[in-house]
N, C-alpha and C. Protein backbone atom coordinates (compact mmCIF):
# COMPACT_ATOMS: atom_id res chain seq x y z
N MET A 1 4.14 12.63 -42.90
CA MET A 1 4.78 11.87 -41.85
C MET A 1 5.12 12.78 -40.68
N ASN A 2 5.20 12.19 -39.57
CA ASN A 2 5.54 12.92 -38.36
C ASN A 2 7.06 12.89 -38.18
N ASN A 3 7.69 14.04 -38.24
CA ASN A 3 9.15 14.11 -38.11
C ASN A 3 9.60 14.56 -36.72
N ASP A 4 8.69 14.58 -35.78
CA ASP A 4 9.06 14.96 -34.42
C ASP A 4 9.91 13.86 -33.79
N PRO A 5 11.00 14.23 -33.14
CA PRO A 5 11.83 13.19 -32.52
C PRO A 5 11.11 12.58 -31.31
N PHE A 6 11.31 11.30 -31.15
CA PHE A 6 10.72 10.59 -30.03
C PHE A 6 11.62 10.75 -28.81
N THR A 7 11.07 11.26 -27.74
CA THR A 7 11.85 11.40 -26.50
C THR A 7 11.46 10.27 -25.56
N PHE A 8 12.45 9.53 -25.19
CA PHE A 8 12.23 8.40 -24.29
C PHE A 8 12.42 8.88 -22.86
N HIS A 9 11.42 8.68 -22.03
CA HIS A 9 11.44 9.16 -20.66
C HIS A 9 11.76 7.99 -19.73
N ILE A 10 12.80 8.15 -18.91
CA ILE A 10 13.17 7.14 -17.93
C ILE A 10 12.89 7.72 -16.54
N ASP A 11 12.04 7.02 -15.81
CA ASP A 11 11.76 7.43 -14.44
C ASP A 11 12.93 7.03 -13.55
N PRO A 12 13.39 7.93 -12.70
CA PRO A 12 14.46 7.54 -11.76
C PRO A 12 13.91 6.62 -10.68
N THR A 13 14.80 5.91 -10.03
CA THR A 13 14.38 5.07 -8.91
C THR A 13 13.77 5.96 -7.84
N PRO A 14 12.56 5.68 -7.40
CA PRO A 14 11.89 6.59 -6.46
C PRO A 14 12.59 6.63 -5.10
N THR A 15 12.41 7.76 -4.43
CA THR A 15 12.89 7.88 -3.06
C THR A 15 11.74 7.59 -2.12
N LEU A 16 12.03 6.90 -1.07
CA LEU A 16 10.98 6.52 -0.12
C LEU A 16 10.78 7.64 0.90
N PRO A 17 9.54 7.88 1.31
CA PRO A 17 9.25 9.07 2.11
C PRO A 17 9.68 9.01 3.57
N THR A 18 9.70 7.85 4.18
CA THR A 18 9.99 7.79 5.61
C THR A 18 11.22 6.93 5.88
N ARG A 19 11.76 7.10 7.06
CA ARG A 19 12.93 6.31 7.47
C ARG A 19 12.56 4.84 7.61
N GLN A 20 11.35 4.56 8.06
CA GLN A 20 10.90 3.19 8.21
C GLN A 20 10.83 2.48 6.85
N CYS A 21 10.36 3.17 5.83
CA CYS A 21 10.30 2.59 4.49
C CYS A 21 11.70 2.35 3.93
N ARG A 22 12.62 3.28 4.17
CA ARG A 22 14.00 3.09 3.69
C ARG A 22 14.67 1.92 4.40
N LEU A 23 14.42 1.76 5.69
CA LEU A 23 14.96 0.62 6.42
C LEU A 23 14.37 -0.69 5.90
N LEU A 24 13.08 -0.69 5.62
CA LEU A 24 12.43 -1.87 5.08
C LEU A 24 12.99 -2.21 3.70
N ALA A 25 13.29 -1.20 2.90
CA ALA A 25 13.90 -1.43 1.58
C ALA A 25 15.30 -2.01 1.73
N ARG A 26 16.07 -1.50 2.68
CA ARG A 26 17.41 -2.06 2.92
C ARG A 26 17.33 -3.52 3.36
N LEU A 27 16.40 -3.83 4.26
CA LEU A 27 16.25 -5.20 4.73
C LEU A 27 15.78 -6.13 3.62
N LEU A 28 14.85 -5.67 2.80
CA LEU A 28 14.37 -6.49 1.70
C LEU A 28 15.47 -6.69 0.65
N GLY A 29 16.22 -5.64 0.35
CA GLY A 29 17.33 -5.77 -0.59
C GLY A 29 18.42 -6.68 -0.06
N TRP A 30 18.72 -6.56 1.24
CA TRP A 30 19.71 -7.45 1.85
C TRP A 30 19.21 -8.89 1.84
N GLY A 31 17.93 -9.08 2.11
CA GLY A 31 17.36 -10.42 2.11
C GLY A 31 17.40 -11.06 0.73
N LEU A 32 17.14 -10.26 -0.31
CA LEU A 32 17.22 -10.80 -1.67
C LEU A 32 18.65 -11.14 -2.05
N SER A 33 19.61 -10.36 -1.54
CA SER A 33 21.01 -10.60 -1.90
C SER A 33 21.63 -11.75 -1.11
N TYR A 34 21.42 -11.77 0.21
CA TYR A 34 22.15 -12.69 1.07
C TYR A 34 21.26 -13.67 1.84
N GLY A 35 19.97 -13.63 1.64
CA GLY A 35 19.07 -14.52 2.37
C GLY A 35 19.30 -15.99 2.07
N ASN A 36 19.65 -16.26 0.83
CA ASN A 36 19.93 -17.64 0.43
C ASN A 36 21.09 -18.22 1.23
N TYR A 37 22.15 -17.43 1.36
CA TYR A 37 23.33 -17.91 2.09
C TYR A 37 23.06 -18.03 3.59
N LEU A 38 22.25 -17.14 4.13
CA LEU A 38 21.90 -17.21 5.54
C LEU A 38 21.11 -18.48 5.85
N ILE A 39 20.13 -18.77 5.00
CA ILE A 39 19.34 -19.99 5.19
C ILE A 39 20.20 -21.23 5.06
N ALA A 40 21.11 -21.25 4.08
CA ALA A 40 22.00 -22.40 3.90
C ALA A 40 22.95 -22.56 5.08
N ALA A 41 23.44 -21.44 5.63
CA ALA A 41 24.33 -21.53 6.79
C ALA A 41 23.61 -22.08 8.02
N ILE A 42 22.37 -21.69 8.19
CA ILE A 42 21.59 -22.22 9.32
C ILE A 42 21.34 -23.71 9.15
N ILE A 43 21.02 -24.12 7.92
CA ILE A 43 20.80 -25.55 7.67
C ILE A 43 22.11 -26.34 7.83
N TRP A 44 23.22 -25.75 7.42
CA TRP A 44 24.51 -26.42 7.59
C TRP A 44 24.82 -26.59 9.07
N TRP A 45 24.51 -25.57 9.86
CA TRP A 45 24.79 -25.62 11.29
C TRP A 45 23.87 -26.62 11.99
N LYS A 46 22.59 -26.67 11.59
CA LYS A 46 21.62 -27.51 12.28
C LYS A 46 21.59 -28.95 11.76
N VAL A 47 21.78 -29.13 10.43
CA VAL A 47 21.55 -30.46 9.86
C VAL A 47 22.84 -31.07 9.33
N ASP A 48 23.23 -30.67 8.10
CA ASP A 48 24.38 -31.32 7.45
C ASP A 48 24.84 -30.43 6.31
N TRP A 49 26.12 -30.53 5.96
CA TRP A 49 26.65 -29.69 4.90
C TRP A 49 26.15 -30.11 3.52
N PHE A 50 25.87 -31.41 3.32
CA PHE A 50 25.38 -31.88 2.03
C PHE A 50 23.98 -31.33 1.74
N ILE A 51 23.14 -31.30 2.74
CA ILE A 51 21.79 -30.73 2.57
C ILE A 51 21.89 -29.22 2.39
N ALA A 52 22.85 -28.58 3.02
CA ALA A 52 23.04 -27.13 2.86
C ALA A 52 23.44 -26.78 1.43
N ILE A 53 24.26 -27.62 0.79
CA ILE A 53 24.62 -27.37 -0.61
C ILE A 53 23.38 -27.47 -1.50
N GLY A 54 22.55 -28.45 -1.25
CA GLY A 54 21.30 -28.56 -1.99
C GLY A 54 20.38 -27.38 -1.75
N THR A 55 20.39 -26.88 -0.53
CA THR A 55 19.57 -25.71 -0.20
C THR A 55 20.07 -24.47 -0.94
N VAL A 56 21.38 -24.32 -1.07
CA VAL A 56 21.93 -23.19 -1.82
C VAL A 56 21.49 -23.26 -3.27
N LEU A 57 21.58 -24.44 -3.86
CA LEU A 57 21.19 -24.58 -5.26
C LEU A 57 19.70 -24.33 -5.47
N LEU A 58 18.88 -24.86 -4.58
CA LEU A 58 17.44 -24.61 -4.66
C LEU A 58 17.12 -23.15 -4.35
N GLY A 59 17.88 -22.57 -3.44
CA GLY A 59 17.66 -21.16 -3.08
C GLY A 59 17.98 -20.22 -4.22
N PHE A 60 18.99 -20.55 -5.05
CA PHE A 60 19.27 -19.71 -6.23
C PHE A 60 18.05 -19.63 -7.13
N ILE A 61 17.37 -20.76 -7.31
CA ILE A 61 16.19 -20.78 -8.16
C ILE A 61 15.04 -20.02 -7.51
N LEU A 62 14.77 -20.28 -6.23
CA LEU A 62 13.63 -19.66 -5.56
C LEU A 62 13.81 -18.15 -5.38
N PHE A 63 15.02 -17.73 -4.98
CA PHE A 63 15.25 -16.30 -4.82
C PHE A 63 15.26 -15.59 -6.16
N GLY A 64 15.69 -16.27 -7.22
CA GLY A 64 15.62 -15.69 -8.55
C GLY A 64 14.19 -15.49 -9.01
N ILE A 65 13.32 -16.45 -8.72
CA ILE A 65 11.90 -16.30 -9.05
C ILE A 65 11.28 -15.18 -8.25
N LEU A 66 11.59 -15.09 -6.96
CA LEU A 66 11.07 -14.02 -6.12
C LEU A 66 11.55 -12.66 -6.60
N ARG A 67 12.83 -12.55 -6.95
CA ARG A 67 13.39 -11.30 -7.43
C ARG A 67 12.73 -10.86 -8.74
N SER A 68 12.51 -11.78 -9.65
CA SER A 68 11.89 -11.42 -10.92
C SER A 68 10.41 -11.08 -10.73
N LYS A 69 9.74 -11.72 -9.80
CA LYS A 69 8.34 -11.38 -9.51
C LYS A 69 8.22 -9.96 -8.96
N LEU A 70 9.08 -9.61 -8.01
CA LEU A 70 9.06 -8.25 -7.47
C LEU A 70 9.42 -7.23 -8.55
N ARG A 71 10.37 -7.57 -9.39
CA ARG A 71 10.80 -6.67 -10.46
C ARG A 71 9.68 -6.43 -11.47
N ASN A 72 9.01 -7.49 -11.90
CA ASN A 72 7.95 -7.36 -12.89
C ASN A 72 6.69 -6.71 -12.34
N ASP A 73 6.47 -6.81 -11.04
CA ASP A 73 5.30 -6.18 -10.44
C ASP A 73 5.48 -4.69 -10.20
N SER A 74 6.71 -4.21 -10.13
CA SER A 74 6.90 -2.84 -9.68
C SER A 74 7.58 -1.92 -10.70
N ILE A 75 8.51 -2.39 -11.48
CA ILE A 75 9.24 -1.53 -12.40
C ILE A 75 8.40 -1.33 -13.66
N PRO A 76 8.31 -0.09 -14.17
CA PRO A 76 7.51 0.16 -15.37
C PRO A 76 8.00 -0.67 -16.56
N VAL A 77 7.06 -0.96 -17.47
CA VAL A 77 7.35 -1.86 -18.58
C VAL A 77 8.47 -1.32 -19.47
N SER A 78 8.49 -0.02 -19.68
CA SER A 78 9.49 0.55 -20.58
C SER A 78 10.90 0.53 -20.00
N GLN A 79 11.04 0.26 -18.71
CA GLN A 79 12.34 0.29 -18.06
C GLN A 79 12.83 -1.08 -17.61
N ARG A 80 12.16 -2.13 -17.95
CA ARG A 80 12.54 -3.46 -17.47
C ARG A 80 13.80 -3.99 -18.11
N GLU A 81 14.23 -3.42 -19.22
CA GLU A 81 15.44 -3.95 -19.87
C GLU A 81 16.71 -3.47 -19.19
N TYR A 82 16.61 -2.50 -18.31
CA TYR A 82 17.79 -1.99 -17.60
C TYR A 82 18.09 -2.87 -16.39
N ALA A 83 19.34 -2.91 -16.01
CA ALA A 83 19.76 -3.72 -14.86
C ALA A 83 19.53 -2.93 -13.57
N TYR A 84 18.94 -3.58 -12.61
CA TYR A 84 18.69 -3.00 -11.28
C TYR A 84 19.27 -3.93 -10.23
N ASP A 85 19.87 -3.35 -9.19
CA ASP A 85 20.34 -4.18 -8.09
C ASP A 85 19.17 -4.48 -7.16
N ASP A 86 19.43 -5.30 -6.15
CA ASP A 86 18.34 -5.75 -5.28
C ASP A 86 17.74 -4.61 -4.46
N TYR A 87 18.55 -3.65 -4.05
CA TYR A 87 18.02 -2.51 -3.30
C TYR A 87 17.09 -1.67 -4.18
N ALA A 88 17.45 -1.49 -5.45
CA ALA A 88 16.59 -0.72 -6.35
C ALA A 88 15.28 -1.44 -6.61
N ILE A 89 15.33 -2.76 -6.75
CA ILE A 89 14.09 -3.54 -6.93
C ILE A 89 13.22 -3.41 -5.70
N ALA A 90 13.81 -3.48 -4.52
CA ALA A 90 13.05 -3.34 -3.27
C ALA A 90 12.47 -1.93 -3.15
N THR A 91 13.21 -0.92 -3.57
CA THR A 91 12.72 0.45 -3.50
C THR A 91 11.55 0.66 -4.45
N TRP A 92 11.66 0.16 -5.67
CA TRP A 92 10.55 0.25 -6.61
C TRP A 92 9.33 -0.48 -6.06
N TYR A 93 9.52 -1.67 -5.53
CA TYR A 93 8.40 -2.46 -5.03
C TYR A 93 7.70 -1.77 -3.86
N LEU A 94 8.48 -1.29 -2.92
CA LEU A 94 7.87 -0.65 -1.75
C LEU A 94 7.21 0.67 -2.11
N SER A 95 7.78 1.41 -3.05
CA SER A 95 7.16 2.68 -3.43
C SER A 95 5.86 2.47 -4.18
N ARG A 96 5.71 1.36 -4.86
CA ARG A 96 4.47 1.08 -5.59
C ARG A 96 3.42 0.40 -4.73
N ASN A 97 3.81 -0.38 -3.75
CA ASN A 97 2.85 -1.22 -3.03
C ASN A 97 2.67 -0.89 -1.56
N THR A 98 3.66 -0.35 -0.89
CA THR A 98 3.56 -0.18 0.55
C THR A 98 3.69 1.27 1.00
N CYS A 99 4.75 1.92 0.61
CA CYS A 99 5.06 3.26 1.10
C CYS A 99 4.58 4.30 0.09
N PHE A 100 3.40 4.84 0.33
CA PHE A 100 2.83 5.84 -0.57
C PHE A 100 3.10 7.24 -0.04
N ARG A 101 3.22 8.17 -0.95
CA ARG A 101 3.25 9.58 -0.57
C ARG A 101 1.83 10.12 -0.69
N THR A 102 1.34 10.72 0.36
CA THR A 102 0.01 11.32 0.31
C THR A 102 0.17 12.82 0.32
N SER A 103 -0.63 13.48 -0.47
CA SER A 103 -0.57 14.93 -0.48
C SER A 103 -1.31 15.46 0.74
N SER A 104 -1.04 16.70 1.09
CA SER A 104 -1.64 17.27 2.30
C SER A 104 -3.13 17.54 2.11
N LYS A 105 -3.62 17.57 0.88
CA LYS A 105 -5.04 17.85 0.64
C LYS A 105 -5.90 16.61 0.79
N GLN A 106 -5.32 15.44 0.68
CA GLN A 106 -6.08 14.20 0.78
C GLN A 106 -5.73 13.47 2.07
N SER A 107 -6.74 12.94 2.68
CA SER A 107 -6.49 12.12 3.85
C SER A 107 -6.29 10.68 3.38
N PRO A 108 -5.65 9.85 4.18
CA PRO A 108 -5.45 8.45 3.77
C PRO A 108 -6.76 7.69 3.54
N ASP A 109 -7.86 8.12 4.22
CA ASP A 109 -9.15 7.46 4.01
C ASP A 109 -9.71 7.74 2.63
N GLU A 110 -9.39 8.91 2.06
CA GLU A 110 -9.89 9.25 0.73
C GLU A 110 -9.19 8.48 -0.36
N LEU A 111 -8.00 7.96 -0.08
CA LEU A 111 -7.24 7.23 -1.09
C LEU A 111 -7.72 5.80 -1.25
N ARG A 112 -8.50 5.29 -0.32
CA ARG A 112 -8.95 3.90 -0.39
C ARG A 112 -10.10 3.71 -1.31
């Protein structure tokens, strides 16, 4: 039998390379956290408070689906059981899909 202890490796939340990517992560995290309320406030101002309440309830479902989709697409499988806030989910998503670090030996054309 193998008696070597199993070491579980947890990747830290990645850091984004540029200021533009960090700003985009903040905006995406803010949008996931408060976008539902912003949309409901606009609907309340433009239409009616009763429809705004319905929008909040529907927004909880839609933003929850969007949040879980971003989380499942970006966070590694072994780390999905841990709790992440919206900014961390946005950082993972952007580091995997949009904001890449390129080494100085490779040009961006070689990565495609």
